[in-house]
Amino acid sequence: MNQHHSLTPAAELHANVSVPFTQAHAMPKSVYTSEAFLAQEQKHVFAKDWLCAGRAESLPNPGDYLTMQIAGEPVIVLRDREGEIRAMSNVCRHRMSTLLQGRGNTRSIVCPYHAWTYNLDGTLRGAPAMALNEGFCKTDIALPQIRCEVWLGWIMVSLNPDAIAPATALKDVENLVGYLDMSTYTETFREEFRWATNWKVLAENFMESYHLPVCHAGTIGGSCDLNLMTCPEGTEAFNYHWIVKNDTVPLALAHPTNTTLQGDQRRITWLLAIYPSLLITLTPGYFWYLSLTPDGPGHVNVLFGGGMSADWMADPDAQSNLATVKALLDDVNIEDKGCTEKVYRGLLSGMATPGPLSHLERPNFEFAQYLASRIPA
């Protein structure tokens, strides 16, 4: 394929997706390595679409909170006193210090700089030594609210007031995997880490199972057959594929007491890539997910969580089963880290060039189409 060295990364991307899938190549190197392209992604993708902050059950009590950044914007996500999950700015309305860090539980939001104190709905409760300021009115001050919706148990947050609601934009996800009812699964672990690769490299790694037999030869590579993988066309909001699993990982199958799931429903593993960066592996027994945010072109911040379906949670051996799967997933992550960091190092090579895609990499091409639809050439 001709290289477009005189084109901007965005223009290269648009040229890349202008051909039919049967003639498609991997995305140009510049869309992974360019600071300017990352700035466009932050503006047109991360600041406009829905990002996942994790699972609703991770914030069970009033005052439970977590923090995140969306396109450079510090955000608090918490459960308020009425039991609703909401999101708001994590920046004080006084001298603009960030407020909360990490995760925890709080009765109120207290600025660590001058102790301005906010209620859990973001309204200002108190501000020391402000009584002599005639222009100060406590009721006029509150933390800006940010759109936040719980969709099938997932906490979805967007800076964009006009973003289509997840329940509408992702209705086809419910049509596809609704029989597993993600809202009934329970998160049992949540971790965060940072890898030395571009966020899209890791996203694409999730989207294709072409790499499983080789990259994951030591773990899950033997649990699937490339010839049994199906990569259908996705939608504007997500892509997906599925794997029919053998009995290598029992927790990936329907629980023996489950009489609802029939046939292949009992052993299909779904891989859902919800744009831009929520990546869900869903089985009848357990789920795990990645939620990605870029940290410069060469690093990605990863939220990694997972848990079990209701019937497996009720199993007397639930904790033992989960420990076995968690240990497996940790090993899989180590393998993915190695593979994706090698890809990014290769992208920096002057001799590297994107090659043609396999039929098993249709989701990757659709991901490129999604990005091109968001980022102007």
Foldseek 3Di string as FASTA:
>chain_A
DDDDVVDQLLVQLVVQLPDDQQFHWFRALCCLAPLVNVLLCLVQFQQAEKFWPFFPVVAQDAQKWAWDATSNFIKIWHQHPVRDIWMFGQFDPPPTDGWDHGTDGDQWTFRPPQGFIAGPVFQTDDGPPCVPPPVDDRRVDGTGTWDWDQDLRTIITHNHPPYDDCCVVVVVVCVVPVLLRSNQWDWDDKDKDKAFFFLLLLLLVLQFCPCLCPLVVVFCNPFFDPVQKDFDDDDLFKGKIKTQGDCPQVLLFADPVDPSDDDSLRGIWMWIAGPPAWTKIDGSFKIKIWTWDGDHSGMIMIMIIMGTGPVLCPDPCNVVSVVVVVVSVVVSVVSSSVVRNVVRVLSPDPPDDIGRDDPSSNRSSSNSVSSSVRRDD
